[in-house]
Amino acid sequence: MTDIIPRIPRLPREQWTDDAREVFAFWGEPNAWEEGSKTNVVSVMGTHPELGKVYNLWGKYFLMHSTLTTRQLEIVILRVAVRAQSAYEWHNHVGYGMNAGLTLEDIAAIRDFPAGGDWTEEEAAMMTAVDELIADNRIGDATWATLSKTLDVRQLMDLTFTIGHYVMTSWSLATFGVEIEGGADAIGFDLRTRSGRIPGKTYKPGEHEEWIETRGY
């Protein structure tokens, strides 16, 4: 894994306003209001609370309340992470994807798409939509027609905005130099962890009482 040089340092404690603490505590991390967030992207967003609060609300919709199923969502996000080469998003969503029922073989096939994988027509079209938006700035007519067979208008809108949100987030993480959290057993695009452990499922914020523990930091 390539070393990342952070461009935006953690906000000094003496500069923590209530607005910054609200950003830190939004996702329900224990003691985040008092001690700050251990999640690097949240800490960075706390340096710009006006943006950070809006970003948290926007991001929570796509992560937690989308009209897409969790499996669909994780397929899309993992494909974005590959195309944007976002090590941070990949590391986090491998575990989320496994919790949504994806196997490591499935995740490798998302990485290698269109080679391999046992995908439904809809799932393949979702990954194609990611590729087309990134390459052409538009989902092609044939892909849209395929998706429209099974997705309603709200799901089509959520799909398009989800891809855009995670591309935007990936660009920001890379530009700001946001590292995978210290202590986390970083998962590479080869699906090997830094320690050699086989990756396992992790939980989204508040999804399980052990959601913090599964992150390893």
Foldseek 3Di string as FASTA:
>chain_A
DDAFDFQADFDPPVPQDQLLLCLQCVLPDPCCSPVNHLAQVSRRLSVPSVVSVVLVVVVCCLCPPAPDQQLLSLLLLLLLCLVLVQLQSNQQSVQSNVVSPDDPLQSLCSNVPPPDDDDDLLSNLLSQQLVCCVVPVGRDPVSVVSNVVPDDPRNVVSSVVSSVSSNVVSVVCRVRRGDQGPQFQRQGSVQATPVRDRDHHADGRPPDPCRVVSRGD
